Amino acid sequence: MKPNDRNKKREIICLCNNVARETIEEAIRSGADTLNKIFDKTMAGVGPCGGSCRRKLGPMLDHYLETGNFPEVLKEDKRGKKR
């Protein structure tokens, strides 16, 4: 694994519960195919902020379900309400 890849995996997605990208990716790979399942397995998206990271989790999950791979760069869904 390249140093940049390692940093990407350690990226904290859920600041409230300190959940890293690698934890979320592992949960998705092991069957968390809905946001609720990701929340249950990782605690990402259920912090005191009200789940602001859900705007990243949704597109990340969608991309994986469509392609079988995780996006290089996580983009926020800014179209409206958090999922």
PDB file of N, CA and C in Angstrom:
ATOM      1  N   MET A   1       0.844  -1.180   0.000  1.00  0.00           N
ATOM      2  CA  MET A   1       0.000   0.000   0.000  1.00  0.00           C
ATOM      3  C   MET A   1       0.889   1.241   0.000  1.00  0.00           C
ATOM      4  N   LYS A   2       0.594   2.178  -0.881  1.00  0.00           N
ATOM      5  CA  LYS A   2       1.349   3.419  -0.970  1.00  0.00           C
ATOM      6  C   LYS A   2       1.040   4.312   0.231  1.00  0.00           C
ATOM      7  N   PRO A   3       1.975   5.196   0.597  1.00  0.00           N
ATOM      8  CA  PRO A   3       1.721   6.100   1.736  1.00  0.00           C
ATOM      9  C   PRO A   3       0.436   6.909   1.582  1.00  0.00           C
ATOM     10  N   ASN A   4       0.140   7.390   0.383  1.00  0.00           N
ATOM     11  CA  ASN A   4      -1.090   8.156   0.163  1.00  0.00           C
ATOM     12  C   ASN A   4      -2.324   7.307   0.406  1.00  0.00           C
ATOM     13  N   ASP A   5      -2.268   6.027  -0.007  1.00  0.00           N
ATOM     14  CA  ASP A   5      -3.383   5.110   0.220  1.00  0.00           C
ATOM     15  C   ASP A   5      -3.611   4.907   1.709  1.00  0.00           C
ATOM     16  N   ARG A   6      -2.512   4.796   2.456  1.00  0.00           N
ATOM     17  CA  ARG A   6      -2.616   4.605   3.902  1.00  0.00           C
ATOM     18  C   ARG A   6      -3.281   5.809   4.554  1.00  0.00           C
ATOM     19  N   ASN A   7      -2.896   7.001   4.127  1.00  0.00           N
ATOM     20  CA  ASN A   7      -3.505   8.217   4.676  1.00  0.00           C
ATOM     21  C   ASN A   7      -4.982   8.296   4.333  1.00  0.00           C
ATOM     22  N   LYS A   8      -5.327   7.893   3.108  1.00  0.00           N
ATOM     23  CA  LYS A   8      -6.730   7.919   2.690  1.00  0.00           C
ATOM     24  C   LYS A   8      -7.545   6.981   3.572  1.00  0.00           C
ATOM     25  N   LYS A   9      -7.022   5.803   3.848  1.00  0.00           N
ATOM     26  CA  LYS A   9      -7.749   4.822   4.659  1.00  0.00           C
ATOM     27  C   LYS A   9      -7.927   5.312   6.088  1.00  0.00           C
ATOM     28  N   ARG A  10      -6.979   6.084   6.579  1.00  0.00           N
ATOM     29  CA  ARG A  10      -7.050   6.587   7.960  1.00  0.00           C
ATOM     30  C   ARG A  10      -7.870   7.866   8.086  1.00  0.00           C
ATOM     31  N   GLU A  11      -8.310   8.399   6.957  1.00  0.00           N
ATOM     32  CA  GLU A  11      -9.119   9.612   6.959  1.00  0.00           C
ATOM     33  C   GLU A  11     -10.341   9.418   7.861  1.00  0.00           C
ATOM     34  N   ILE A  12     -10.560  10.349   8.767  1.00  0.00           N
ATOM     35  CA  ILE A  12     -11.712  10.269   9.660  1.00  0.00           C
ATOM     36  C   ILE A  12     -12.930  10.821   8.919  1.00  0.00           C
ATOM     37  N   ILE A  13     -13.942   9.979   8.775  1.00  0.00           N
ATOM     38  CA  ILE A  13     -15.162  10.370   8.084  1.00  0.00           C
ATOM     39  C   ILE A  13     -16.183  10.898   9.084  1.00  0.00           C
ATOM     40  N   CYS A  14     -16.331  10.202  10.200  1.00  0.00           N
ATOM     41  CA  CYS A  14     -17.269  10.625  11.243  1.00  0.00           C
ATOM     42  C   CYS A  14     -16.453  11.234  12.383  1.00  0.00           C
ATOM     43  N   LEU A  15     -16.468  12.552  12.455  1.00  0.00           N
ATOM     44  CA  LEU A  15     -15.676  13.234  13.478  1.00  0.00           C
ATOM     45  C   LEU A  15     -16.234  13.015  14.879  1.00  0.00           C
ATOM     46  N   CYS A  16     -17.549  12.976  15.008  1.00  0.00           N
ATOM     47  CA  CYS A  16     -18.168  12.826  16.333  1.00  0.00           C
ATOM     48  C   CYS A  16     -17.761  11.510  17.005  1.00  0.00           C
ATOM     49  N   ASN A  17     -17.760  10.436  16.219  1.00  0.00           N
ATOM     50  CA  ASN A  17     -17.460   9.115  16.781  1.00  0.00           C
ATOM     51  C   ASN A  17     -16.093   8.584  16.360  1.00  0.00           C
ATOM     52  N   ASN A  18     -15.291   9.454  15.712  1.00  0.00           N
ATOM     53  CA  ASN A  18     -13.918   9.120  15.336  1.00  0.00           C
ATOM     54  C   ASN A  18     -13.847   7.821  14.512  1.00  0.00           C
ATOM     55  N   VAL A  19     -14.646   7.759  13.451  1.00  0.00           N
ATOM     56  CA  VAL A  19     -14.697   6.561  12.606  1.00  0.00           C
ATOM     57  C   VAL A  19     -13.922   6.834  11.317  1.00  0.00           C
ATOM     58  N   ALA A  20     -12.920   5.998  11.075  1.00  0.00           N
ATOM     59  CA  ALA A  20     -12.057   6.152   9.912  1.00  0.00           C
ATOM     60  C   ALA A  20     -12.690   5.543   8.663  1.00  0.00           C
ATOM     61  N   ARG A  21     -12.229   6.021   7.533  1.00  0.00           N
ATOM     62  CA  ARG A  21     -12.697   5.509   6.243  1.00  0.00           C
ATOM     63  C   ARG A  21     -12.493   4.003   6.140  1.00  0.00           C
ATOM     64  N   GLU A  22     -11.349   3.509   6.598  1.00  0.00           N
ATOM     65  CA  GLU A  22     -11.080   2.070   6.482  1.00  0.00           C
ATOM     66  C   GLU A  22     -12.101   1.249   7.263  1.00  0.00           C
ATOM     67  N   THR A  23     -12.580   1.746   8.383  1.00  0.00           N
ATOM     68  CA  THR A  23     -13.598   1.054   9.173  1.00  0.00           C
ATOM     69  C   THR A  23     -14.916   0.989   8.413  1.00  0.00           C
ATOM     70  N   ILE A  24     -15.269   2.088   7.782  1.00  0.00           N
ATOM     71  CA  ILE A  24     -16.511   2.142   7.006  1.00  0.00           C
ATOM     72  C   ILE A  24     -16.410   1.233   5.784  1.00  0.00           C
ATOM     73  N   GLU A  25     -15.274   1.287   5.085  1.00  0.00           N
ATOM     74  CA  GLU A  25     -15.088   0.434   3.913  1.00  0.00           C
ATOM     75  C   GLU A  25     -15.170  -1.042   4.290  1.00  0.00           C
ATOM     76  N   GLU A  26     -14.590  -1.413   5.393  1.00  0.00           N
ATOM     77  CA  GLU A  26     -14.640  -2.812   5.837  1.00  0.00           C
ATOM     78  C   GLU A  26     -16.075  -3.231   6.156  1.00  0.00           C
ATOM     79  N   ALA A  27     -16.827  -2.349   6.790  1.00  0.00           N
ATOM     80  CA  ALA A  27     -18.223  -2.656   7.101  1.00  0.00           C
ATOM     81  C   ALA A  27     -19.025  -2.878   5.816  1.00  0.00           C
ATOM     82  N   ILE A  28     -18.787  -2.033   4.830  1.00  0.00           N
ATOM     83  CA  ILE A  28     -19.502  -2.166   3.557  1.00  0.00           C
ATOM     84  C   ILE A  28     -19.099  -3.463   2.868  1.00  0.00           C
ATOM     85  N   ARG A  29     -17.791  -3.745   2.832  1.00  0.00           N
ATOM     86  CA  ARG A  29     -17.325  -4.992   2.219  1.00  0.00           C
ATOM     87  C   ARG A  29     -17.914  -6.219   2.896  1.00  0.00           C
ATOM     88  N   SER A  30     -18.175  -6.119   4.185  1.00  0.00           N
ATOM     89  CA  SER A  30     -18.677  -7.286   4.916  1.00  0.00           C
ATOM     90  C   SER A  30     -20.210  -7.307   5.003  1.00  0.00           C
ATOM     91  N   GLY A  31     -20.877  -6.517   4.148  1.00  0.00           N
ATOM     92  CA  GLY A  31     -22.316  -6.665   4.037  1.00  0.00           C
ATOM     93  C   GLY A  31     -23.179  -5.492   4.432  1.00  0.00           C
ATOM     94  N   ALA A  32     -22.603  -4.410   4.908  1.00  0.00           N
ATOM     95  CA  ALA A  32     -23.410  -3.233   5.261  1.00  0.00           C
ATOM     96  C   ALA A  32     -23.806  -2.529   3.964  1.00  0.00           C
ATOM     97  N   ASP A  33     -24.956  -2.914   3.413  1.00  0.00           N
ATOM     98  CA  ASP A  33     -25.366  -2.395   2.107  1.00  0.00           C
ATOM     99  C   ASP A  33     -26.456  -1.328   2.185  1.00  0.00           C
ATOM    100  N   THR A  34     -26.679  -0.813   3.383  1.00  0.00           N
ATOM    101  CA  THR A  34     -27.575   0.330   3.570  1.00  0.00           C
ATOM    102  C   THR A  34     -26.921   1.266   4.577  1.00  0.00           C
ATOM    103  N   LEU A  35     -27.374   2.505   4.598  1.00  0.00           N
ATOM    104  CA  LEU A  35     -26.825   3.446   5.579  1.00  0.00           C
ATOM    105  C   LEU A  35     -27.095   2.976   6.998  1.00  0.00           C
ATOM    106  N   ASN A  36     -28.283   2.452   7.263  1.00  0.00           N
ATOM    107  CA  ASN A  36     -28.594   1.979   8.612  1.00  0.00           C
ATOM    108  C   ASN A  36     -27.645   0.874   9.052  1.00  0.00           C
ATOM    109  N   LYS A  37     -27.280  -0.014   8.155  1.00  0.00           N
ATOM    110  CA  LYS A  37     -26.337  -1.078   8.505  1.00  0.00           C
ATOM    111  C   LYS A  37     -24.951  -0.506   8.787  1.00  0.00           C
ATOM    112  N   ILE A  38     -24.556   0.519   8.036  1.00  0.00           N
ATOM    113  CA  ILE A  38     -23.269   1.186   8.302  1.00  0.00           C
ATOM    114  C   ILE A  38     -23.320   1.831   9.682  1.00  0.00           C
ATOM    115  N   PHE A  39     -24.425   2.511   9.989  1.00  0.00           N
ATOM    116  CA  PHE A  39     -24.571   3.149  11.299  1.00  0.00           C
ATOM    117  C   PHE A  39     -24.437   2.108  12.407  1.00  0.00           C
ATOM    118  N   ASP A  40     -25.137   0.979  12.246  1.00  0.00           N
ATOM    119  CA  ASP A  40     -25.135  -0.074  13.269  1.00  0.00           C
ATOM    120  C   ASP A  40     -23.755  -0.689  13.461  1.00  0.00           C
ATOM    121  N   LYS A  41     -23.031  -0.924  12.372  1.00  0.00           N
ATOM    122  CA  LYS A  41     -21.728  -1.593  12.461  1.00  0.00           C
ATOM    123  C   LYS A  41     -20.603  -0.673  12.907  1.00  0.00           C
ATOM    124  N   THR A  42     -20.711   0.628  12.605  1.00  0.00           N
ATOM    125  CA  THR A  42     -19.560   1.509  12.822  1.00  0.00           C
ATOM    126  C   THR A  42     -19.822   2.680  13.761  1.00  0.00           C
ATOM    127  N   MET A  43     -21.057   3.017  14.002  1.00  0.00           N
ATOM    128  CA  MET A  43     -21.469   4.209  14.758  1.00  0.00           C
ATOM    129  C   MET A  43     -21.253   5.497  13.964  1.00  0.00           C
ATOM    130  N   ALA A  44     -20.793   5.403  12.711  1.00  0.00           N
ATOM    131  CA  ALA A  44     -20.676   6.590  11.864  1.00  0.00           C
ATOM    132  C   ALA A  44     -22.074   7.063  11.509  1.00  0.00           C
ATOM    133  N   GLY A  45     -22.271   8.370  11.541  1.00  0.00           N
ATOM    134  CA  GLY A  45     -23.545   8.937  11.131  1.00  0.00           C
ATOM    135  C   GLY A  45     -24.569   9.090  12.229  1.00  0.00           C
ATOM    136  N   VAL A  46     -24.207   8.734  13.442  1.00  0.00           N
ATOM    137  CA  VAL A  46     -25.179   8.817  14.537  1.00  0.00           C
ATOM    138  C   VAL A  46     -24.642   9.634  15.715  1.00  0.00           C
ATOM    139  N   GLY A  47     -23.779  10.572  15.416  1.00  0.00           N
ATOM    140  CA  GLY A  47     -23.183  11.373  16.477  1.00  0.00           C
ATOM    141  C   GLY A  47     -24.048  12.554  16.873  1.00  0.00           C
ATOM    142  N   PRO A  48     -23.589  13.318  17.843  1.00  0.00           N
ATOM    143  CA  PRO A  48     -24.342  14.461  18.343  1.00  0.00           C
ATOM    144  C   PRO A  48     -24.556  15.561  17.311  1.00  0.00           C
ATOM    145  N   CYS A  49     -23.792  15.547  16.226  1.00  0.00           N
ATOM    146  CA  CYS A  49     -23.963  16.584  15.197  1.00  0.00           C
ATOM    147  C   CYS A  49     -25.210  16.330  14.367  1.00  0.00           C
ATOM    148  N   GLY A  50     -25.791  15.162  14.504  1.00  0.00           N
ATOM    149  CA  GLY A  50     -26.973  14.829  13.719  1.00  0.00           C
ATOM    150  C   GLY A  50     -26.646  14.061  12.455  1.00  0.00           C
ATOM    151  N   GLY A  51     -25.404  13.674  12.311  1.00  0.00           N
ATOM    152  CA  GLY A  51     -25.036  12.838  11.169  1.00  0.00           C
ATOM    153  C   GLY A  51     -24.563  13.603   9.955  1.00  0.00           C
ATOM    154  N   SER A  52     -23.777  14.639  10.133  1.00  0.00           N
ATOM    155  CA  SER A  52     -23.312  15.417   8.982  1.00  0.00           C
ATOM    156  C   SER A  52     -22.467  14.572   8.015  1.00  0.00           C
ATOM    157  N   CYS A  53     -21.845  13.514   8.488  1.00  0.00           N
ATOM    158  CA  CYS A  53     -21.022  12.668   7.620  1.00  0.00           C
ATOM    159  C   CYS A  53     -21.874  11.801   6.688  1.00  0.00           C
ATOM    160  N   ARG A  54     -23.165  11.756   6.917  1.00  0.00           N
ATOM    161  CA  ARG A  54     -24.045  10.968   6.042  1.00  0.00           C
ATOM    162  C   ARG A  54     -23.978  11.468   4.605  1.00  0.00           C
ATOM    163  N   ARG A  55     -23.660  12.737   4.435  1.00  0.00           N
ATOM    164  CA  ARG A  55     -23.545  13.306   3.092  1.00  0.00           C
ATOM    165  C   ARG A  55     -22.347  12.726   2.344  1.00  0.00           C
ATOM    166  N   LYS A  56     -21.403  12.150   3.049  1.00  0.00           N
ATOM    167  CA  LYS A  56     -20.288  11.444   2.418  1.00  0.00           C
ATOM    168  C   LYS A  56     -20.563   9.947   2.368  1.00  0.00           C
ATOM    169  N   LEU A  57     -21.198   9.431   3.400  1.00  0.00           N
ATOM    170  CA  LEU A  57     -21.461   7.991   3.458  1.00  0.00           C
ATOM    171  C   LEU A  57     -22.372   7.522   2.333  1.00  0.00           C
ATOM    172  N   GLY A  58     -23.404   8.294   2.037  1.00  0.00           N
ATOM    173  CA  GLY A  58     -24.355   7.917   0.995  1.00  0.00           C
ATOM    174  C   GLY A  58     -23.692   7.752  -0.365  1.00  0.00           C
ATOM    175  N   PRO A  59     -22.981   8.779  -0.857  1.00  0.00           N
ATOM    176  CA  PRO A  59     -22.307   8.639  -2.149  1.00  0.00           C
ATOM    177  C   PRO A  59     -21.232   7.548  -2.150  1.00  0.00           C
ATOM    178  N   MET A  60     -20.549   7.379  -1.028  1.00  0.00           N
ATOM    179  CA  MET A  60     -19.531   6.332  -0.916  1.00  0.00           C
ATOM    180  C   MET A  60     -20.174   4.959  -1.080  1.00  0.00           C
ATOM    181  N   LEU A  61     -21.274   4.721  -0.379  1.00  0.00           N
ATOM    182  CA  LEU A  61     -21.979   3.453  -0.469  1.00  0.00           C
ATOM    183  C   LEU A  61     -22.542   3.250  -1.871  1.00  0.00           C
ATOM    184  N   ASP A  62     -23.175   4.259  -2.421  1.00  0.00           N
ATOM    185  CA  ASP A  62     -23.743   4.156  -3.764  1.00  0.00           C
ATOM    186  C   ASP A  62     -22.676   3.793  -4.788  1.00  0.00           C
ATOM    187  N   HIS A  63     -21.522   4.453  -4.710  1.00  0.00           N
ATOM    188  CA  HIS A  63     -20.435   4.188  -5.646  1.00  0.00           C
ATOM    189  C   HIS A  63     -19.977   2.737  -5.526  1.00  0.00           C
ATOM    190  N   TYR A  64     -19.838   2.264  -4.306  1.00  0.00           N
ATOM    191  CA  TYR A  64     -19.403   0.876  -4.099  1.00  0.00           C
ATOM    192  C   TYR A  64     -20.435  -0.112  -4.640  1.00  0.00           C
ATOM    193  N   LEU A  65     -21.698   0.129  -4.367  1.00  0.00           N
ATOM    194  CA  LEU A  65     -22.740  -0.784  -4.828  1.00  0.00           C
ATOM    195  C   LEU A  65     -22.842  -0.811  -6.352  1.00  0.00           C
ATOM    196  N   GLU A  66     -22.534   0.313  -6.997  1.00  0.00           N
ATOM    197  CA  GLU A  66     -22.594   0.389  -8.462  1.00  0.00           C
ATOM    198  C   GLU A  66     -21.358  -0.187  -9.133  1.00  0.00           C
ATOM    199  N   THR A  67     -20.182  -0.013  -8.517  1.00  0.00           N
ATOM    200  CA  THR A  67     -18.930  -0.358  -9.198  1.00  0.00           C
ATOM    201  C   THR A  67     -18.142  -1.491  -8.551  1.00  0.00           C
ATOM    202  N   GLY A  68     -18.403  -1.754  -7.276  1.00  0.00           N
ATOM    203  CA  GLY A  68     -17.607  -2.743  -6.555  1.00  0.00           C
ATOM    204  C   GLY A  68     -16.300  -2.181  -6.032  1.00  0.00           C
ATOM    205  N   ASN A  69     -16.114  -0.878  -6.184  1.00  0.00           N
ATOM    206  CA  ASN A  69     -14.907  -0.189  -5.704  1.00  0.00           C
ATOM    207  C   ASN A  69     -15.318   1.060  -4.940  1.00  0.00           C
ATOM    208  N   PHE A  70     -14.414   1.526  -4.108  1.00  0.00           N
ATOM    209  CA  PHE A  70     -14.658   2.772  -3.388  1.00  0.00           C
ATOM    210  C   PHE A  70     -14.074   3.933  -4.180  1.00  0.00           C
ATOM    211  N   PRO A  71     -14.709   5.092  -4.112  1.00  0.00           N
ATOM    212  CA  PRO A  71     -14.182   6.250  -4.849  1.00  0.00           C
ATOM    213  C   PRO A  71     -12.842   6.690  -4.277  1.00  0.00           C
ATOM    214  N   GLU A  72     -11.991   7.206  -5.148  1.00  0.00           N
ATOM    215  CA  GLU A  72     -10.703   7.743  -4.706  1.00  0.00           C
ATOM    216  C   GLU A  72     -10.916   8.926  -3.768  1.00  0.00           C
ATOM    217  N   VAL A  73     -11.794   9.818  -4.182  1.00  0.00           N
ATOM    218  CA  VAL A  73     -12.077  11.034  -3.430  1.00  0.00           C
ATOM    219  C   VAL A  73     -13.537  10.998  -3.003  1.00  0.00           C
ATOM    220  N   LEU A  74     -13.777  11.221  -1.734  1.00  0.00           N
ATOM    221  CA  LEU A  74     -15.151  11.248  -1.232  1.00  0.00           C
ATOM    222  C   LEU A  74     -15.749  12.620  -1.489  1.00  0.00           C
ATOM    223  N   LYS A  75     -16.933  12.615  -2.083  1.00  0.00           N
ATOM    224  CA  LYS A  75     -17.631  13.861  -2.361  1.00  0.00           C
ATOM    225  C   LYS A  75     -18.910  13.893  -1.552  1.00  0.00           C
ATOM    226  N   GLU A  76     -19.242  15.080  -1.082  1.00  0.00           N
ATOM    227  CA  GLU A  76     -20.469  15.245  -0.306  1.00  0.00           C
ATOM    228  C   GLU A  76     -21.661  15.409  -1.224  1.00  0.00           C
ATOM    229  N   ASP A  77     -22.771  14.822  -0.837  1.00  0.00           N
ATOM    230  CA  ASP A  77     -24.036  15.034  -1.525  1.00  0.00           C
ATOM    231  C   ASP A  77     -24.626  16.303  -0.932  1.00  0.00           C
ATOM    232  N   LYS A  78     -24.646  17.356  -1.711  1.00  0.00           N
ATOM    233  CA  LYS A  78     -25.121  18.641  -1.202  1.00  0.00           C
ATOM    234  C   LYS A  78     -26.493  19.013  -1.761  1.00  0.00           C
ATOM    235  N   ARG A  79     -27.231  18.006  -2.211  1.00  0.00           N
ATOM    236  CA  ARG A  79     -28.525  18.275  -2.848  1.00  0.00           C
ATOM    237  C   ARG A  79     -29.644  18.581  -1.861  1.00  0.00           C
ATOM    238  N   GLY A  80     -29.446  18.425  -0.614  1.00  0.00           N
ATOM    239  CA  GLY A  80     -30.539  18.700   0.324  1.00  0.00           C
ATOM    240  C   GLY A  80     -30.319  18.027   1.638  1.00  0.00           C
ATOM    241  N   LYS A  81     -31.363  17.387   2.125  1.00  0.00           N
ATOM    242  CA  LYS A  81     -31.338  16.762   3.450  1.00  0.00           C
ATOM    243  C   LYS A  81     -30.314  15.645   3.516  1.00  0.00           C
ATOM    244  N   LYS A  82     -29.793  15.478   4.719  1.00  0.00           N
ATOM    245  CA  LYS A  82     -28.930  14.329   4.973  1.00  0.00           C
ATOM    246  C   LYS A  82     -29.806  13.090   4.910  1.00  0.00           C
ATOM    247  N   ARG A  83     -29.252  12.006   4.423  1.00  0.00           N
ATOM    248  CA  ARG A  83     -30.022  10.785   4.270  1.00  0.00           C
ATOM    249  C   ARG A  83     -30.444  10.214   5.591  1.00  0.00           C
TER     250      ARG A  83
END
